[in-house]
């Protein structure tokens, strides 16, 4: 027999074991859809989508290609999570923790994306290399000795 057992919450005396039996046909159904989505990903990666001109911004074809690829990837991930990992029959708390994991993962990518897109601007007094940063103000254009000679209010 195939499947996995679940138990209801509570003390052992009131737990009722349940058993979800998954047929081989269900696994084949999911496998066929995963293969079709994989082929679709490869085929659509070769398609050059045209740019779409909205009045306030242009959606480039490469961005459309990326959005389509990500939508297919999310669909494949959901199929794996629901059927192979058993989230379809899991408790609400298990589903909540799975969703929280993806929210946390998305936040990590947002932070890394923000960090990666910032311009590197070393400060002369921090790096010890006064020629490595563009001089952006009078204070930064002074040498360390000139800066230390300034009254505290002008630093």
N, C-alpha and C. Protein backbone atom coordinates (compact mmCIF):
# COMPACT_ATOMS: atom_id res chain seq x y z
N UNK A 1 0.83 -1.18 0.00
CA UNK A 1 0.00 0.00 0.00
C UNK A 1 0.88 1.25 0.00
N UNK A 2 0.45 2.26 -0.72
CA UNK A 2 1.22 3.49 -0.82
C UNK A 2 0.51 4.58 -0.02
N UNK A 3 1.26 5.54 0.45
CA UNK A 3 0.67 6.65 1.17
C UNK A 3 1.44 6.98 2.41
N UNK A 4 0.87 7.80 3.23
CA UNK A 4 1.49 8.19 4.48
C UNK A 4 0.40 8.41 5.51
N UNK A 5 0.71 8.17 6.77
CA UNK A 5 -0.31 8.30 7.79
C UNK A 5 -0.23 9.67 8.44
N UNK A 6 -1.38 10.16 8.84
CA UNK A 6 -1.49 11.42 9.56
C UNK A 6 -2.22 11.13 10.87
N UNK A 7 -1.95 11.91 11.88
CA UNK A 7 -2.64 11.76 13.15
C UNK A 7 -3.26 13.10 13.51
N UNK A 8 -4.42 13.04 14.10
CA UNK A 8 -5.04 14.27 14.56
C UNK A 8 -4.35 14.74 15.83
N UNK A 9 -4.46 16.04 16.07
CA UNK A 9 -3.82 16.60 17.26
C UNK A 9 -4.53 16.14 18.52
N UNK A 10 -3.81 16.14 19.59
CA UNK A 10 -4.40 15.79 20.87
C UNK A 10 -3.65 14.64 21.51
N UNK A 11 -4.11 14.24 22.68
CA UNK A 11 -3.45 13.12 23.37
C UNK A 11 -3.60 11.83 22.57
N UNK A 12 -2.70 10.90 22.77
CA UNK A 12 -2.73 9.65 21.99
C UNK A 12 -4.05 8.89 22.08
N UNK A 13 -4.76 9.06 23.17
CA UNK A 13 -6.01 8.30 23.32
C UNK A 13 -7.09 8.75 22.35
N UNK A 14 -7.03 10.00 21.87
CA UNK A 14 -8.07 10.48 20.95
C UNK A 14 -7.55 10.60 19.51
N UNK A 15 -6.31 10.23 19.29
CA UNK A 15 -5.79 10.31 17.93
C UNK A 15 -6.34 9.18 17.08
N UNK A 16 -6.73 9.55 15.89
CA UNK A 16 -7.19 8.55 14.94
C UNK A 16 -6.24 8.54 13.76
N UNK A 17 -5.55 7.44 13.53
CA UNK A 17 -4.66 7.43 12.37
C UNK A 17 -5.47 7.41 11.08
N UNK A 18 -5.09 8.25 10.17
CA UNK A 18 -5.71 8.25 8.85
C UNK A 18 -4.61 7.93 7.84
N UNK A 19 -5.02 7.38 6.74
CA UNK A 19 -4.03 6.95 5.77
C UNK A 19 -4.50 7.40 4.40
N UNK A 20 -3.70 8.25 3.75
CA UNK A 20 -4.02 8.70 2.41
C UNK A 20 -3.35 7.77 1.41
N UNK A 21 -4.15 7.07 0.68
CA UNK A 21 -3.61 6.14 -0.31
C UNK A 21 -3.52 6.87 -1.64
N UNK A 22 -2.31 6.93 -2.17
CA UNK A 22 -2.09 7.56 -3.46
C UNK A 22 -1.91 6.47 -4.50
N UNK A 23 -2.69 6.57 -5.53
CA UNK A 23 -2.57 5.56 -6.58
C UNK A 23 -1.35 5.86 -7.44
N UNK A 24 -0.89 4.85 -8.13
CA UNK A 24 0.22 5.03 -9.05
C UNK A 24 -0.19 6.00 -10.16
N UNK A 25 -1.48 5.97 -10.51
CA UNK A 25 -2.00 6.87 -11.55
C UNK A 25 -1.83 8.34 -11.18
N UNK A 26 -2.00 8.66 -9.90
CA UNK A 26 -1.82 10.05 -9.46
C UNK A 26 -0.38 10.49 -9.64
N UNK A 27 0.55 9.62 -9.26
CA UNK A 27 1.96 9.95 -9.42
C UNK A 27 2.33 10.06 -10.91
N UNK A 28 1.78 9.20 -11.73
CA UNK A 28 2.03 9.29 -13.16
C UNK A 28 1.43 10.57 -13.74
N UNK A 29 0.24 10.94 -13.28
CA UNK A 29 -0.41 12.19 -13.72
C UNK A 29 0.49 13.38 -13.41
N UNK A 30 1.01 13.42 -12.19
CA UNK A 30 1.90 14.53 -11.79
C UNK A 30 3.19 14.48 -12.59
N UNK A 31 3.76 13.30 -12.78
CA UNK A 31 4.99 13.17 -13.54
C UNK A 31 4.81 13.64 -14.99
N UNK A 32 3.71 13.26 -15.62
CA UNK A 32 3.47 13.68 -17.00
C UNK A 32 3.34 15.20 -17.08
N UNK A 33 2.65 15.79 -16.14
CA UNK A 33 2.52 17.25 -16.14
C UNK A 33 3.86 17.94 -15.90
N UNK A 34 4.68 17.37 -15.04
CA UNK A 34 6.01 17.95 -14.81
C UNK A 34 6.87 17.87 -16.07
N UNK A 35 6.80 16.75 -16.78
CA UNK A 35 7.57 16.62 -18.02
C UNK A 35 7.05 17.59 -19.08
N UNK A 36 5.72 17.72 -19.20
CA UNK A 36 5.14 18.66 -20.16
C UNK A 36 5.57 20.10 -19.82
N UNK A 37 5.55 20.45 -18.55
CA UNK A 37 5.98 21.80 -18.15
C UNK A 37 7.47 22.01 -18.40
N UNK A 38 8.28 20.96 -18.24
CA UNK A 38 9.71 21.08 -18.53
C UNK A 38 9.92 21.33 -20.02
N UNK A 39 9.23 20.57 -20.87
CA UNK A 39 9.35 20.77 -22.31
C UNK A 39 8.85 22.16 -22.69
N UNK A 40 7.76 22.59 -22.08
CA UNK A 40 7.23 23.93 -22.35
C UNK A 40 8.22 25.01 -21.96
N UNK A 41 8.93 24.80 -20.86
CA UNK A 41 9.96 25.76 -20.44
C UNK A 41 11.06 25.87 -21.49
N UNK A 42 11.53 24.73 -21.99
CA UNK A 42 12.60 24.73 -22.98
C UNK A 42 12.13 25.37 -24.29
N UNK A 43 10.92 25.04 -24.72
CA UNK A 43 10.40 25.58 -25.98
C UNK A 43 10.19 27.09 -25.87
N UNK A 44 9.58 27.55 -24.78
CA UNK A 44 9.30 28.97 -24.63
C UNK A 44 10.57 29.79 -24.39
N UNK A 45 11.63 29.15 -23.95
CA UNK A 45 12.90 29.87 -23.79
C UNK A 45 13.48 30.25 -25.15
N UNK A 46 13.09 29.55 -26.21
CA UNK A 46 13.57 29.84 -27.55
C UNK A 46 12.72 30.90 -28.27
N UNK A 47 11.57 31.23 -27.70
CA UNK A 47 10.66 32.19 -28.32
C UNK A 47 11.09 33.60 -27.95
N UNK A 48 11.12 34.48 -28.95
CA UNK A 48 11.44 35.89 -28.71
C UNK A 48 10.13 36.66 -28.63
N UNK A 49 9.73 37.00 -27.42
CA UNK A 49 8.49 37.73 -27.23
C UNK A 49 8.68 39.19 -27.64
N UNK A 50 7.65 39.81 -28.24
CA UNK A 50 7.78 41.22 -28.62
C UNK A 50 7.64 42.12 -27.41
N UNK A 51 8.17 43.33 -27.53
CA UNK A 51 8.00 44.33 -26.47
C UNK A 51 6.56 44.81 -26.48
N UNK A 52 6.01 45.01 -25.30
CA UNK A 52 4.65 45.54 -25.17
C UNK A 52 4.77 46.95 -24.62
N UNK A 53 4.23 47.89 -25.38
CA UNK A 53 4.34 49.30 -25.00
C UNK A 53 3.06 49.75 -24.31
N UNK A 54 3.12 49.85 -23.00
CA UNK A 54 2.05 50.48 -22.26
C UNK A 54 2.34 51.96 -22.27
N UNK A 55 1.39 52.78 -21.97
CA UNK A 55 1.62 54.22 -22.06
C UNK A 55 2.66 54.71 -21.06
N UNK A 56 2.71 54.09 -19.90
CA UNK A 56 3.59 54.59 -18.85
C UNK A 56 4.87 53.77 -18.69
N UNK A 57 4.98 52.60 -19.33
CA UNK A 57 6.23 51.83 -19.31
C UNK A 57 6.21 50.81 -20.45
N UNK A 58 7.39 50.32 -20.77
CA UNK A 58 7.54 49.30 -21.82
C UNK A 58 7.91 47.98 -21.15
N UNK A 59 7.15 46.95 -21.45
CA UNK A 59 7.45 45.61 -20.96
C UNK A 59 8.24 44.90 -22.05
N UNK A 60 9.54 44.74 -21.83
CA UNK A 60 10.42 44.16 -22.84
C UNK A 60 10.16 42.66 -22.98
N UNK A 61 10.46 42.14 -24.16
CA UNK A 61 10.23 40.73 -24.44
C UNK A 61 11.03 39.81 -23.54
N UNK A 62 12.24 40.23 -23.16
CA UNK A 62 13.03 39.39 -22.27
C UNK A 62 12.39 39.30 -20.88
N UNK A 63 11.76 40.38 -20.45
CA UNK A 63 11.06 40.34 -19.16
C UNK A 63 9.84 39.42 -19.25
N UNK A 64 9.13 39.46 -20.37
CA UNK A 64 7.99 38.55 -20.55
C UNK A 64 8.48 37.11 -20.52
N UNK A 65 9.60 36.84 -21.18
CA UNK A 65 10.17 35.50 -21.19
C UNK A 65 10.50 35.06 -19.76
N UNK A 66 11.09 35.95 -18.98
CA UNK A 66 11.43 35.62 -17.59
C UNK A 66 10.17 35.37 -16.76
N UNK A 67 9.14 36.19 -16.96
CA UNK A 67 7.89 36.02 -16.21
C UNK A 67 7.23 34.68 -16.55
N UNK A 68 7.22 34.33 -17.83
CA UNK A 68 6.64 33.05 -18.24
C UNK A 68 7.44 31.89 -17.64
N UNK A 69 8.76 31.98 -17.69
CA UNK A 69 9.59 30.91 -17.12
C UNK A 69 9.37 30.78 -15.61
N UNK A 70 9.25 31.90 -14.92
CA UNK A 70 9.02 31.85 -13.47
C UNK A 70 7.63 31.29 -13.15
N UNK A 71 6.63 31.63 -13.95
CA UNK A 71 5.28 31.08 -13.72
C UNK A 71 5.28 29.57 -13.89
N UNK A 72 5.98 29.08 -14.90
CA UNK A 72 6.07 27.63 -15.10
C UNK A 72 6.84 26.98 -13.95
N UNK A 73 7.91 27.61 -13.51
CA UNK A 73 8.70 27.06 -12.40
C UNK A 73 7.88 27.01 -11.11
N UNK A 74 7.08 28.04 -10.86
CA UNK A 74 6.24 28.04 -9.66
C UNK A 74 5.19 26.92 -9.75
N UNK A 75 4.63 26.74 -10.94
CA UNK A 75 3.65 25.67 -11.13
C UNK A 75 4.28 24.30 -10.88
N UNK A 76 5.48 24.08 -11.40
CA UNK A 76 6.16 22.80 -11.16
C UNK A 76 6.47 22.62 -9.67
N UNK A 77 6.91 23.69 -9.03
CA UNK A 77 7.19 23.60 -7.60
C UNK A 77 5.95 23.28 -6.78
N UNK A 78 4.82 23.89 -7.15
CA UNK A 78 3.58 23.60 -6.45
C UNK A 78 3.15 22.15 -6.64
N UNK A 79 3.29 21.63 -7.85
CA UNK A 79 2.94 20.23 -8.08
C UNK A 79 3.78 19.30 -7.20
N UNK A 80 5.08 19.57 -7.14
CA UNK A 80 5.95 18.73 -6.32
C UNK A 80 5.57 18.85 -4.84
N UNK A 81 5.35 20.08 -4.38
CA UNK A 81 5.01 20.27 -2.97
C UNK A 81 3.67 19.63 -2.61
N UNK A 82 2.67 19.81 -3.45
CA UNK A 82 1.35 19.31 -3.13
C UNK A 82 1.29 17.78 -3.11
N UNK A 83 1.88 17.15 -4.13
CA UNK A 83 1.70 15.71 -4.26
C UNK A 83 2.86 14.90 -3.72
N UNK A 84 4.09 15.25 -4.09
CA UNK A 84 5.22 14.44 -3.64
C UNK A 84 5.60 14.72 -2.19
N UNK A 85 5.44 15.98 -1.76
CA UNK A 85 5.78 16.31 -0.37
C UNK A 85 4.56 16.18 0.55
N UNK A 86 3.39 15.97 0.00
CA UNK A 86 2.22 15.69 0.80
C UNK A 86 1.51 16.90 1.39
N UNK A 87 1.77 18.10 0.89
CA UNK A 87 1.11 19.28 1.45
C UNK A 87 -0.38 19.33 1.12
N UNK A 88 -0.80 18.62 0.10
CA UNK A 88 -2.22 18.63 -0.26
C UNK A 88 -3.07 18.08 0.88
N UNK A 89 -2.54 17.11 1.60
CA UNK A 89 -3.30 16.48 2.68
C UNK A 89 -2.77 16.86 4.06
N UNK A 90 -1.92 17.84 4.13
CA UNK A 90 -1.31 18.23 5.40
C UNK A 90 -2.27 19.11 6.21
N UNK A 91 -1.89 19.34 7.45
CA UNK A 91 -2.69 20.19 8.32
C UNK A 91 -2.50 21.66 7.93
N UNK A 92 -3.39 22.50 8.41
CA UNK A 92 -3.30 23.93 8.11
C UNK A 92 -2.02 24.54 8.68
N UNK A 93 -1.58 24.05 9.82
CA UNK A 93 -0.35 24.56 10.42
C UNK A 93 0.87 24.22 9.55
N UNK A 94 0.90 23.02 9.00
CA UNK A 94 2.00 22.63 8.11
C UNK A 94 2.00 23.51 6.87
N UNK A 95 0.83 23.77 6.32
CA UNK A 95 0.73 24.63 5.14
C UNK A 95 1.15 26.06 5.47
N UNK A 96 0.81 26.52 6.67
CA UNK A 96 1.21 27.86 7.09
C UNK A 96 2.73 27.98 7.18
N UNK A 97 3.39 26.96 7.78
CA UNK A 97 4.85 27.01 7.90
C UNK A 97 5.52 26.91 6.54
N UNK A 98 4.95 26.14 5.63
CA UNK A 98 5.51 26.06 4.28
C UNK A 98 5.41 27.43 3.60
N UNK A 99 4.27 28.09 3.73
CA UNK A 99 4.11 29.42 3.14
C UNK A 99 5.04 30.43 3.79
N UNK A 100 5.21 30.34 5.11
CA UNK A 100 6.11 31.26 5.81
C UNK A 100 7.55 31.08 5.35
N UNK A 101 7.94 29.85 5.05
CA UNK A 101 9.28 29.61 4.53
C UNK A 101 9.50 30.30 3.19
N UNK A 102 8.50 30.27 2.33
CA UNK A 102 8.63 30.94 1.04
C UNK A 102 8.62 32.46 1.18
N UNK A 103 7.85 32.97 2.10
CA UNK A 103 7.86 34.43 2.34
C UNK A 103 9.24 34.85 2.83
N UNK A 104 9.81 34.10 3.75
CA UNK A 104 11.15 34.41 4.24
C UNK A 104 12.19 34.32 3.15
N UNK A 105 12.07 33.32 2.30
CA UNK A 105 13.00 33.16 1.18
C UNK A 105 12.88 34.34 0.22
N UNK A 106 11.65 34.81 -0.04
CA UNK A 106 11.45 35.97 -0.91
C UNK A 106 12.06 37.23 -0.29
N UNK A 107 11.92 37.37 1.01
CA UNK A 107 12.51 38.54 1.67
C UNK A 107 14.04 38.53 1.57
N UNK A 108 14.64 37.36 1.67
CA UNK A 108 16.09 37.26 1.52
C UNK A 108 16.50 37.73 0.13
N UNK A 109 15.76 37.31 -0.90
CA UNK A 109 16.08 37.73 -2.25
C UNK A 109 15.89 39.23 -2.43
N UNK A 110 14.87 39.80 -1.79
CA UNK A 110 14.69 41.25 -1.88
C UNK A 110 15.85 42.00 -1.25
N UNK A 111 16.31 41.53 -0.11
CA UNK A 111 17.45 42.17 0.56
C UNK A 111 18.70 42.05 -0.29
N UNK A 112 18.97 40.84 -0.82
CA UNK A 112 20.14 40.67 -1.67
C UNK A 112 20.04 41.50 -2.94
N UNK A 113 18.85 41.60 -3.51
CA UNK A 113 18.65 42.42 -4.70
C UNK A 113 18.92 43.88 -4.42
N UNK A 114 18.46 44.36 -3.27
CA UNK A 114 18.72 45.74 -2.89
C UNK A 114 20.21 45.97 -2.70
N UNK A 115 20.86 45.05 -2.04
CA UNK A 115 22.30 45.17 -1.77
C UNK A 115 23.10 45.13 -3.08
N UNK A 116 22.71 44.25 -3.99
CA UNK A 116 23.47 44.07 -5.23
C UNK A 116 23.33 45.26 -6.18
N UNK A 117 22.25 46.02 -6.07
CA UNK A 117 22.04 47.14 -6.99
C UNK A 117 22.57 48.45 -6.46
N UNK A 118 23.09 48.47 -5.28
CA UNK A 118 23.65 49.72 -4.74
C UNK A 118 25.04 49.96 -5.30
N UNK A 119 25.34 51.23 -5.53
CA UNK A 119 26.64 51.61 -6.06
C UNK A 119 27.67 51.58 -4.95
N UNK A 120 28.83 51.03 -5.25
CA UNK A 120 29.91 50.98 -4.27
C UNK A 120 30.61 52.33 -4.28
N UNK A 121 30.55 53.01 -3.16
CA UNK A 121 31.20 54.31 -3.01
C UNK A 121 32.04 54.31 -1.73
N UNK A 122 33.29 53.90 -1.84
CA UNK A 122 34.12 53.88 -0.63
C UNK A 122 34.37 55.29 -0.11
N UNK A 123 34.48 55.42 1.18
CA UNK A 123 34.76 56.71 1.81
C UNK A 123 36.25 56.79 2.07
N UNK A 124 36.89 57.90 1.66
CA UNK A 124 38.35 57.98 1.79
C UNK A 124 38.85 57.73 3.21
N UNK A 125 38.18 58.24 4.22
CA UNK A 125 38.67 58.09 5.58
C UNK A 125 38.46 56.67 6.11
N UNK A 126 37.60 55.89 5.48
CA UNK A 126 37.38 54.52 5.94
C UNK A 126 38.32 53.55 5.26
N UNK A 127 38.62 53.76 4.00
CA UNK A 127 39.42 52.79 3.26
C UNK A 127 40.89 53.11 3.26
N UNK A 128 41.26 54.33 3.54
CA UNK A 128 42.66 54.72 3.49
C UNK A 128 43.14 54.95 2.07
N UNK A 129 42.23 54.97 1.11
CA UNK A 129 42.57 55.21 -0.29
C UNK A 129 41.81 56.43 -0.77
N UNK A 130 42.37 57.64 -0.60
CA UNK A 130 41.63 58.84 -0.93
C UNK A 130 41.30 58.97 -2.42
N UNK A 131 41.97 58.26 -3.28
CA UNK A 131 41.67 58.38 -4.71
C UNK A 131 40.63 57.41 -5.20
N UNK A 132 40.08 56.58 -4.33
CA UNK A 132 39.17 55.54 -4.79
C UNK A 132 37.73 55.98 -4.89
N UNK A 133 37.37 57.12 -4.31
CA UNK A 133 35.98 57.56 -4.38
C UNK A 133 35.93 58.93 -5.02
N UNK A 134 34.81 59.20 -5.67
CA UNK A 134 34.63 60.53 -6.23
C UNK A 134 34.45 61.52 -5.09
N UNK A 135 35.02 62.67 -5.23
CA UNK A 135 34.88 63.67 -4.19
C UNK A 135 33.49 64.28 -4.31
N UNK A 136 32.66 64.05 -3.32
CA UNK A 136 31.27 64.48 -3.40
C UNK A 136 31.00 65.74 -2.61
N UNK A 137 31.91 66.14 -1.74
CA UNK A 137 31.67 67.34 -0.95
C UNK A 137 33.01 67.95 -0.57
N UNK A 138 32.93 69.14 0.01
CA UNK A 138 34.15 69.82 0.46
C UNK A 138 34.83 69.00 1.53
N UNK A 139 34.03 68.41 2.45
CA UNK A 139 34.62 67.64 3.54
C UNK A 139 35.42 66.46 3.01
N UNK A 140 34.92 65.78 2.00
CA UNK A 140 35.61 64.61 1.48
C UNK A 140 36.81 64.99 0.62
N UNK A 141 36.86 66.22 0.13
CA UNK A 141 37.97 66.62 -0.72
C UNK A 141 39.20 67.02 0.09
N UNK A 142 39.07 67.18 1.38
CA UNK A 142 40.21 67.55 2.23
C UNK A 142 41.02 66.31 2.60
N UNK A 143 42.26 66.49 2.86
CA UNK A 143 43.09 65.38 3.34
C UNK A 143 42.74 65.10 4.79
N UNK A 144 43.22 63.99 5.31
CA UNK A 144 42.93 63.64 6.71
C UNK A 144 43.47 64.70 7.67
N UNK A 145 44.64 65.23 7.38
CA UNK A 145 45.21 66.25 8.27
C UNK A 145 44.36 67.51 8.26
N UNK A 146 43.92 67.93 7.09
CA UNK A 146 43.06 69.12 7.00
C UNK A 146 41.73 68.88 7.70
N UNK A 147 41.21 67.67 7.56
CA UNK A 147 39.94 67.35 8.19
C UNK A 147 40.06 67.37 9.71
N UNK A 148 41.14 66.82 10.25
CA UNK A 148 41.32 66.81 11.70
C UNK A 148 41.55 68.21 12.25
N UNK A 149 42.09 69.12 11.43
CA UNK A 149 42.34 70.49 11.89
C UNK A 149 41.05 71.32 11.95
N UNK A 150 39.98 70.85 11.32
CA UNK A 150 38.72 71.60 11.34
C UNK A 150 38.10 71.57 12.73
N UNK A 151 37.40 72.66 13.12
CA UNK A 151 36.63 72.61 14.36
C UNK A 151 35.56 71.52 14.27
N UNK A 152 35.15 70.97 15.43
CA UNK A 152 34.23 69.86 15.46
C UNK A 152 32.93 70.14 14.70
N UNK A 153 32.42 71.34 14.75
CA UNK A 153 31.14 71.65 14.09
C UNK A 153 31.21 71.60 12.57
N UNK A 154 32.38 71.72 11.97
CA UNK A 154 32.52 71.73 10.52
C UNK A 154 32.90 70.36 9.95
N UNK A 155 33.12 69.37 10.77
CA UNK A 155 33.53 68.04 10.29
C UNK A 155 32.41 67.34 9.63
